[in-house]
Amino acid sequence: MKAVYGSWKDGSDIYKNKKGFFIIQWNPHTKNEYKKYLRGYKPTGPNELEKELAVIRRRTRKAYSKKRRTTKYRH
């Protein structure tokens, strides 16, 4: 099941993949569904999954920032 990130002007649901946010539309000529990508769309608020991922990202950044770099030469 895909996570829904909101609804578009026509009432269709907005989904997300690695390319960006998209809606699924129907093409009457070919009688197939296709993904219409939305340029510049930003969701109004993150859902619960996004909040959890943000917390995990913050933890990993802190862990990486604690590493000290050593220089080749001592001054």
Protein backbone atom coordinates (compact mmCIF):
# COMPACT_ATOMS: atom_id res chain seq x y z
CA MET A 1 0.00 0.00 0.00
CA LYS A 2 1.35 3.40 -0.95
CA ALA A 3 1.50 6.31 1.47
CA VAL A 4 -0.79 9.20 0.52
CA TYR A 5 0.78 12.66 0.84
CA GLY A 6 -2.36 14.70 0.21
CA SER A 7 -4.97 15.29 -2.46
CA TRP A 8 -4.69 17.19 -5.73
CA LYS A 9 -7.09 19.82 -7.11
CA ASP A 10 -9.17 17.21 -8.93
CA GLY A 11 -9.45 15.03 -5.81
CA SER A 12 -6.89 12.38 -6.74
CA ASP A 13 -4.37 11.18 -4.19
CA ILE A 14 -0.72 12.28 -4.24
CA TYR A 15 1.99 9.63 -3.91
CA LYS A 16 5.77 9.79 -3.73
CA ASN A 17 8.64 7.78 -5.21
CA LYS A 18 12.32 8.50 -5.75
CA LYS A 19 11.56 10.77 -8.74
CA GLY A 20 9.16 12.98 -6.79
CA PHE A 21 5.48 13.48 -6.05
CA PHE A 22 2.93 12.20 -8.57
CA ILE A 23 -0.74 11.52 -9.18
CA ILE A 24 -2.19 8.65 -11.18
CA GLN A 25 -4.30 9.73 -14.15
CA TRP A 26 -6.25 7.92 -16.86
CA ASN A 27 -5.47 8.30 -20.56
CA PRO A 28 -8.70 7.70 -22.52
CA HIS A 29 -6.92 7.24 -25.88
CA THR A 30 -4.64 4.40 -24.78
CA LYS A 31 -6.94 3.28 -21.95
CA ASN A 32 -4.04 3.07 -19.50
CA GLU A 33 -3.07 4.72 -16.25
CA TYR A 34 0.04 6.90 -16.10
CA LYS A 35 1.92 8.87 -13.46
CA LYS A 36 1.79 12.65 -13.74
CA TYR A 37 4.66 14.17 -11.76
CA LEU A 38 4.00 17.41 -9.88
CA ARG A 39 6.76 19.98 -10.15
CA GLY A 40 7.31 22.13 -7.10
CA TYR A 41 4.77 20.32 -4.92
CA LYS A 42 5.55 20.29 -1.21
CA PRO A 43 3.31 18.49 1.26
CA THR A 44 1.65 20.65 3.91
CA GLY A 45 2.81 18.49 6.80
CA PRO A 46 4.84 15.31 7.20
CA ASN A 47 3.01 12.13 8.04
CA GLU A 48 4.03 9.84 10.88
CA LEU A 49 6.47 7.82 8.78
CA GLU A 50 8.29 10.95 7.64
CA LYS A 51 8.59 12.15 11.26
CA GLU A 52 10.17 8.86 12.28
CA LEU A 53 12.59 8.98 9.36
CA ALA A 54 13.60 12.53 10.28
CA VAL A 55 14.45 11.41 13.82
CA ILE A 56 16.53 8.52 12.48
CA ARG A 57 18.38 10.86 10.09
CA ARG A 58 19.19 13.25 12.92
CA ARG A 59 20.62 10.40 15.00
CA THR A 60 22.84 9.19 12.18
CA ARG A 61 24.12 12.70 11.47
CA LYS A 62 25.11 13.13 15.11
CA ALA A 63 26.92 9.80 15.10
CA TYR A 64 28.90 10.80 12.01
CA SER A 65 29.71 14.26 13.34
CA LYS A 66 31.33 12.84 16.49
CA LYS A 67 34.15 11.30 14.49
CA ARG A 68 37.34 13.33 14.67
CA ARG A 69 39.45 13.91 11.65
CA THR A 70 43.12 13.41 12.02
CA THR A 71 45.58 15.37 9.98
CA LYS A 72 48.55 13.88 8.25
CA TYR A 73 50.98 16.35 9.75
CA ARG A 74 51.13 17.63 13.29
CA HIS A 75 51.87 21.30 13.70
